[in-house]
N, C-alpha and C. Protein backbone atom coordinates (compact mmCIF):
# COMPACT_ATOMS: atom_id res chain seq x y z
N MET A 1 -1.09 54.03 -164.52
CA MET A 1 -2.27 54.82 -164.39
C MET A 1 -3.16 54.65 -163.28
N SER A 2 -3.13 53.87 -162.68
CA SER A 2 -3.60 53.61 -161.44
C SER A 2 -3.06 54.26 -159.94
N CYS A 3 -1.87 54.23 -159.90
CA CYS A 3 -0.95 55.36 -158.82
C CYS A 3 -1.45 56.64 -159.05
N CYS A 4 -1.56 57.33 -160.64
CA CYS A 4 -2.27 58.79 -160.93
C CYS A 4 -3.51 58.96 -160.14
N ILE A 5 -4.25 57.73 -160.45
CA ILE A 5 -5.80 58.25 -159.83
C ILE A 5 -5.80 58.08 -158.53
N HIS A 6 -5.13 57.36 -157.73
CA HIS A 6 -5.10 56.95 -156.38
C HIS A 6 -3.97 58.57 -155.83
N LEU A 7 -3.46 58.84 -156.59
CA LEU A 7 -2.14 60.54 -156.21
C LEU A 7 -3.50 61.30 -155.88
N GLN A 8 -4.80 61.31 -156.82
CA GLN A 8 -5.42 62.00 -156.65
C GLN A 8 -6.40 62.12 -155.38
N PHE A 9 -6.68 61.02 -154.71
CA PHE A 9 -7.27 61.11 -153.47
C PHE A 9 -6.72 60.26 -152.66
N LEU A 10 -5.55 60.58 -152.33
CA LEU A 10 -4.54 60.39 -150.98
C LEU A 10 -5.38 60.22 -149.62
N ALA A 11 -5.41 59.50 -149.25
CA ALA A 11 -6.09 59.41 -147.60
C ALA A 11 -5.22 58.50 -146.66
N TRP A 12 -5.19 59.42 -145.34
CA TRP A 12 -4.54 58.97 -144.50
C TRP A 12 -5.15 58.58 -143.13
N GLY A 13 -6.32 58.06 -142.94
CA GLY A 13 -7.43 58.10 -141.88
C GLY A 13 -7.28 56.65 -141.35
N SER A 14 -7.22 55.43 -142.23
CA SER A 14 -6.95 54.21 -141.50
C SER A 14 -5.48 53.34 -141.79
N LEU A 15 -5.31 52.41 -141.56
CA LEU A 15 -4.41 51.73 -141.55
C LEU A 15 -3.77 51.60 -143.26
N GLY A 16 -4.98 51.12 -143.67
CA GLY A 16 -5.24 50.60 -145.00
C GLY A 16 -4.93 51.67 -146.02
N GLU A 17 -5.32 52.92 -145.89
CA GLU A 17 -5.50 53.71 -146.24
C GLU A 17 -4.31 54.26 -146.47
N VAL A 18 -3.38 54.66 -145.26
CA VAL A 18 -1.81 54.72 -144.91
C VAL A 18 -1.18 54.15 -146.30
N VAL A 19 -1.35 52.47 -146.21
CA VAL A 19 -0.72 51.61 -147.25
C VAL A 19 -0.96 51.70 -148.21
N GLN A 20 -2.43 52.05 -148.82
CA GLN A 20 -2.38 52.32 -150.51
C GLN A 20 -1.65 53.51 -150.69
N SER A 21 -1.87 54.93 -149.79
CA SER A 21 -1.16 56.17 -150.10
C SER A 21 0.55 55.93 -150.19
N LEU A 22 1.04 55.53 -149.36
CA LEU A 22 2.36 55.20 -149.37
C LEU A 22 2.86 54.28 -150.34
N SER A 23 2.38 52.85 -150.66
CA SER A 23 2.79 52.46 -152.15
C SER A 23 2.67 53.33 -153.08
N ALA A 24 1.35 53.77 -153.36
CA ALA A 24 0.75 54.97 -154.67
C ALA A 24 2.54 55.98 -154.80
N LEU A 25 2.77 56.74 -153.23
CA LEU A 25 3.98 57.41 -153.73
C LEU A 25 5.05 56.57 -154.17
N GLY A 26 5.09 55.62 -153.68
CA GLY A 26 6.49 54.93 -153.79
C GLY A 26 6.91 54.58 -155.38
N PHE A 27 5.34 53.53 -156.11
CA PHE A 27 5.22 52.98 -157.19
C PHE A 27 5.22 54.49 -157.91
N THR A 28 4.85 55.76 -157.45
CA THR A 28 4.77 56.85 -158.74
C THR A 28 6.55 57.28 -158.89
N ALA A 29 7.21 56.92 -157.56
CA ALA A 29 8.58 57.54 -157.55
C ALA A 29 9.73 56.74 -158.57
N LEU A 30 9.03 55.21 -158.39
CA LEU A 30 9.61 54.22 -158.80
C LEU A 30 9.06 54.52 -160.97
N ILE A 31 8.33 54.89 -161.20
CA ILE A 31 7.71 54.70 -161.79
C ILE A 31 8.36 56.07 -162.84
N ILE A 32 8.56 57.12 -162.33
CA ILE A 32 9.04 58.45 -162.76
C ILE A 32 10.37 58.21 -162.84
N SER A 33 11.36 57.65 -161.77
CA SER A 33 12.80 57.37 -162.08
C SER A 33 13.47 56.42 -162.89
N ALA A 34 12.54 55.02 -163.68
CA ALA A 34 13.11 54.38 -164.28
C ALA A 34 13.29 54.84 -165.55
N PRO A 35 13.26 55.91 -166.30
CA PRO A 35 13.64 55.90 -167.33
C PRO A 35 14.95 56.83 -167.21
N LEU A 36 15.35 57.50 -166.14
CA LEU A 36 16.15 58.33 -165.83
C LEU A 36 17.32 56.97 -165.73
N PHE A 37 17.36 56.15 -164.63
CA PHE A 37 18.11 55.30 -164.63
C PHE A 37 18.29 54.38 -165.66
N VAL A 38 17.34 54.16 -166.49
CA VAL A 38 17.68 53.26 -167.80
C VAL A 38 18.52 54.05 -168.90
N GLY A 39 18.30 55.50 -168.80
CA GLY A 39 19.25 56.34 -169.69
C GLY A 39 20.48 56.59 -169.04
N ILE A 40 20.54 56.85 -167.69
CA ILE A 40 21.83 56.74 -167.17
C ILE A 40 22.49 55.47 -167.53
N TYR A 41 22.12 54.22 -167.05
CA TYR A 41 23.01 53.02 -167.34
C TYR A 41 22.98 52.77 -168.62
N LEU A 42 22.23 52.94 -169.85
CA LEU A 42 22.60 52.30 -171.25
C LEU A 42 23.77 53.71 -171.71
N ASN A 43 23.67 54.51 -171.14
CA ASN A 43 24.78 55.83 -171.80
C ASN A 43 25.82 55.50 -170.84
N SER A 44 26.06 54.85 -169.55
CA SER A 44 27.44 54.89 -169.20
C SER A 44 27.77 53.14 -170.03
N MET A 45 27.07 52.15 -170.40
CA MET A 45 27.41 50.83 -171.14
C MET A 45 27.27 51.30 -172.56
N PHE A 46 27.34 52.26 -172.81
CA PHE A 46 27.13 52.64 -174.50
C PHE A 46 28.41 51.48 -175.30
N ASP A 47 29.62 51.80 -175.03
CA ASP A 47 30.90 51.35 -175.47
C ASP A 47 30.72 49.24 -175.54
N TYR A 48 29.90 49.19 -174.52
CA TYR A 48 29.54 47.33 -174.40
C TYR A 48 28.34 47.05 -174.80
N LEU A 49 27.50 47.59 -175.40
CA LEU A 49 26.39 47.98 -175.79
C LEU A 49 26.14 46.26 -176.76
N GLN A 50 27.04 46.04 -177.47
CA GLN A 50 27.09 45.21 -178.73
C GLN A 50 27.71 43.71 -178.77
N ASN A 51 28.21 43.73 -177.03
CA ASN A 51 28.56 42.18 -176.40
C ASN A 51 27.73 41.34 -176.11
N GLU A 52 27.89 40.45 -176.50
CA GLU A 52 26.87 39.23 -176.40
C GLU A 52 26.02 39.25 -175.27
N GLU A 53 26.91 38.75 -173.99
CA GLU A 53 26.57 39.07 -172.69
C GLU A 53 25.79 40.37 -172.39
N VAL A 54 25.97 41.34 -172.60
CA VAL A 54 25.26 42.69 -172.48
C VAL A 54 23.88 42.24 -173.45
N VAL A 55 23.81 42.02 -174.65
CA VAL A 55 22.71 41.95 -175.31
C VAL A 55 21.84 41.32 -174.74
N GLU A 56 22.26 40.21 -174.31
CA GLU A 56 20.94 38.95 -173.77
C GLU A 56 20.52 39.45 -172.48
N LYS A 57 21.37 40.43 -171.66
CA LYS A 57 20.91 40.66 -170.69
C LYS A 57 19.87 41.95 -170.63
N TYR A 58 20.28 43.07 -171.62
CA TYR A 58 19.48 44.16 -171.58
C TYR A 58 19.04 44.64 -172.64
N GLY A 59 18.88 43.61 -173.76
CA GLY A 59 18.88 44.16 -174.90
C GLY A 59 17.81 44.46 -175.47
N GLN A 60 16.49 43.92 -174.88
CA GLN A 60 15.26 44.72 -174.95
C GLN A 60 15.23 46.38 -174.77
N PHE A 61 16.21 46.47 -173.77
CA PHE A 61 16.28 48.30 -173.70
C PHE A 61 16.33 48.92 -175.29
N TYR A 62 17.27 48.30 -175.91
CA TYR A 62 17.40 49.18 -177.13
C TYR A 62 17.77 48.13 -178.10
N VAL A 63 16.45 47.36 -178.46
CA VAL A 63 16.36 46.67 -179.55
C VAL A 63 15.57 47.49 -180.76
N GLY A 64 16.42 46.98 -181.91
CA GLY A 64 16.06 47.99 -183.40
C GLY A 64 16.88 49.23 -183.20
N LEU A 65 17.74 49.74 -182.28
CA LEU A 65 18.24 50.90 -182.85
C LEU A 65 19.56 50.51 -182.87
N ASN A 66 19.92 51.29 -184.18
CA ASN A 66 21.36 51.75 -184.62
C ASN A 66 22.33 51.94 -183.89
N LEU A 67 22.96 51.39 -183.45
CA LEU A 67 23.84 51.94 -182.20
C LEU A 67 25.06 52.65 -182.44
N GLU A 68 24.96 52.65 -184.63
CA GLU A 68 26.53 53.13 -184.97
C GLU A 68 25.93 54.44 -185.25
N GLN A 69 24.94 55.04 -185.10
CA GLN A 69 24.52 56.66 -185.35
C GLN A 69 24.94 57.08 -183.86
N GLY A 70 25.42 56.62 -182.86
CA GLY A 70 26.34 57.66 -181.67
C GLY A 70 25.54 57.33 -180.00
N ARG A 71 26.02 57.66 -179.13
CA ARG A 71 24.76 57.90 -178.34
C ARG A 71 23.47 58.63 -177.82
N LEU A 72 23.16 59.44 -178.75
CA LEU A 72 21.68 60.16 -178.77
C LEU A 72 21.09 59.42 -179.17
N VAL A 73 21.13 58.07 -180.18
CA VAL A 73 20.05 57.08 -180.54
C VAL A 73 19.40 56.27 -179.01
N LEU A 74 19.68 56.58 -177.92
CA LEU A 74 19.26 55.69 -176.95
C LEU A 74 18.35 56.72 -176.18
N LEU A 75 18.12 57.81 -176.40
CA LEU A 75 16.85 58.69 -176.20
C LEU A 75 15.69 58.07 -176.60
N GLN A 76 15.80 57.46 -177.52
CA GLN A 76 14.51 56.93 -178.08
C GLN A 76 13.69 55.94 -177.23
N SER A 77 14.75 54.90 -176.36
CA SER A 77 14.02 54.13 -175.40
C SER A 77 13.45 54.93 -174.39
N VAL A 78 14.42 55.51 -174.19
CA VAL A 78 14.04 56.53 -173.03
C VAL A 78 12.68 57.34 -172.81
N TRP A 79 12.66 57.92 -174.37
CA TRP A 79 11.41 58.70 -174.86
C TRP A 79 10.44 57.60 -174.89
N PHE A 80 10.14 56.70 -175.17
CA PHE A 80 9.58 55.52 -175.16
C PHE A 80 8.65 55.41 -173.43
N MET A 81 9.44 55.29 -172.75
CA MET A 81 9.09 55.12 -171.66
C MET A 81 8.40 56.52 -170.91
N VAL A 82 9.32 57.79 -171.28
CA VAL A 82 8.38 59.09 -170.75
C VAL A 82 7.04 59.01 -171.49
N ARG A 83 7.02 59.15 -173.01
CA ARG A 83 5.58 58.99 -173.88
C ARG A 83 4.72 58.07 -172.80
N ARG A 84 4.72 57.49 -172.33
CA ARG A 84 3.80 56.36 -171.52
C ARG A 84 3.43 57.18 -170.28
N LEU A 85 4.38 57.49 -169.74
CA LEU A 85 4.13 57.98 -168.38
C LEU A 85 3.05 59.49 -168.62
N ALA A 86 3.69 60.49 -169.75
CA ALA A 86 2.88 61.65 -169.99
C ALA A 86 1.39 60.96 -170.34
N LEU A 87 1.35 59.99 -171.01
CA LEU A 87 -0.07 59.55 -171.28
C LEU A 87 -1.07 59.31 -170.15
N ALA A 88 -0.38 58.59 -169.46
CA ALA A 88 -0.71 58.33 -168.37
C ALA A 88 -1.33 59.38 -167.22
N LEU A 89 -0.46 60.11 -167.38
CA LEU A 89 -0.85 61.69 -166.67
C LEU A 89 -1.86 62.67 -167.39
N THR A 90 -1.51 62.70 -168.41
CA THR A 90 -2.60 63.37 -169.40
C THR A 90 -4.09 62.95 -169.25
N VAL A 91 -4.26 61.67 -169.40
CA VAL A 91 -5.34 60.99 -169.61
C VAL A 91 -6.29 61.52 -167.67
N VAL A 92 -5.64 60.90 -166.73
CA VAL A 92 -5.69 61.06 -165.37
C VAL A 92 -5.94 62.39 -165.21
N PHE A 93 -5.00 63.63 -164.88
CA PHE A 93 -4.80 64.87 -164.32
C PHE A 93 -5.52 65.54 -165.39
N LEU A 94 -5.79 65.42 -166.52
CA LEU A 94 -6.53 66.47 -167.25
C LEU A 94 -7.71 66.07 -168.01
N ASN A 95 -8.14 65.23 -167.23
CA ASN A 95 -9.85 64.55 -167.80
C ASN A 95 -11.08 65.68 -167.86
N GLU A 96 -11.00 66.64 -167.29
CA GLU A 96 -12.30 67.55 -167.90
C GLU A 96 -12.04 68.62 -168.92
N THR A 97 -10.87 68.52 -169.39
CA THR A 97 -10.54 69.46 -170.67
C THR A 97 -9.85 68.75 -171.40
N VAL A 98 -10.78 68.25 -172.83
CA VAL A 98 -10.19 67.92 -173.80
C VAL A 98 -8.97 68.66 -174.32
N ILE A 99 -9.47 69.74 -174.34
CA ILE A 99 -8.18 70.29 -175.45
C ILE A 99 -7.14 70.47 -174.69
N TRP A 100 -6.59 70.30 -173.73
CA TRP A 100 -5.29 70.12 -173.16
C TRP A 100 -4.35 68.69 -173.29
N GLN A 101 -5.72 67.75 -173.16
CA GLN A 101 -5.44 66.53 -173.33
C GLN A 101 -4.72 66.30 -175.03
N LEU A 102 -5.62 66.88 -175.58
CA LEU A 102 -4.99 66.68 -177.15
C LEU A 102 -3.96 67.79 -177.60
N SER A 103 -3.88 69.03 -177.07
CA SER A 103 -2.52 69.66 -176.89
C SER A 103 -1.05 69.08 -176.31
N ALA A 104 -1.56 68.23 -175.11
CA ALA A 104 -0.66 67.24 -174.61
C ALA A 104 0.24 66.54 -175.63
N ILE A 105 -0.95 65.59 -176.18
CA ILE A 105 -0.47 64.63 -177.09
C ILE A 105 0.28 65.20 -178.32
N THR A 106 -0.19 66.38 -178.87
CA THR A 106 0.48 66.69 -180.20
C THR A 106 1.66 67.12 -180.04
N PHE A 107 1.76 67.56 -178.35
CA PHE A 107 2.96 68.04 -178.39
C PHE A 107 4.20 66.90 -178.07
N GLN A 108 3.45 65.69 -177.55
CA GLN A 108 4.64 64.15 -177.64
C GLN A 108 5.00 64.46 -178.84
N VAL A 109 3.90 64.23 -179.99
CA VAL A 109 4.16 63.67 -181.28
C VAL A 109 5.27 64.64 -182.19
N ILE A 110 5.29 66.15 -181.92
CA ILE A 110 6.21 67.09 -182.37
C ILE A 110 7.55 66.67 -181.58
N LEU A 111 7.26 66.19 -180.30
CA LEU A 111 8.62 66.36 -179.56
C LEU A 111 9.15 64.67 -180.72
N GLN A 112 8.65 63.97 -180.92
CA GLN A 112 8.72 62.48 -181.16
C GLN A 112 9.40 62.54 -182.49
N VAL A 113 8.77 63.36 -183.75
CA VAL A 113 9.41 63.73 -184.96
C VAL A 113 10.55 64.59 -184.98
N ILE A 114 10.68 65.09 -184.00
CA ILE A 114 11.95 66.06 -183.62
C ILE A 114 13.11 65.41 -183.29
N ILE A 115 12.88 64.44 -182.52
CA ILE A 115 13.63 63.12 -181.74
C ILE A 115 14.16 62.56 -183.36
N LEU A 116 13.37 61.87 -184.02
CA LEU A 116 13.63 61.16 -184.76
C LEU A 116 14.57 61.80 -185.93
N GLY A 117 13.96 63.34 -186.31
CA GLY A 117 14.27 63.96 -187.43
C GLY A 117 16.20 64.18 -186.99
C-alpha cells in the first residue's frame, strides 16, 4: 500500500526523492510480478507438489488445496495475492469515490465465487 501511495507523488528533485521513487517503482514491479511467477512455478511443478521436499520448501503457497482436483486449483493461491494487490490499488487510487471502491470489491467477490464454483 505504501508503494501505491508513493506512486501518486513521484518526485525527482533530490537524490533522496530519486531513490524513493525508484524504490517504489521497483517494489511495485516486484509485487505485481509475484503472483505471476508463483502461478507459473506451481504450474510447472504440479506433478511434484506432493513430494516431501517440495512440501517442506514451497508448501505454504498451496496449503489447504486439494491437488487431486487438477491444475486449476492452483489459481486459488494466485488469486489470493491478486486480491490483496487489488485491494491496495482500490483503496489508494479510488479514494475519492466510494462507489468505485465498493464496485471493485464486489467484482472481486463475484470472481472469487466463480473461481470456487
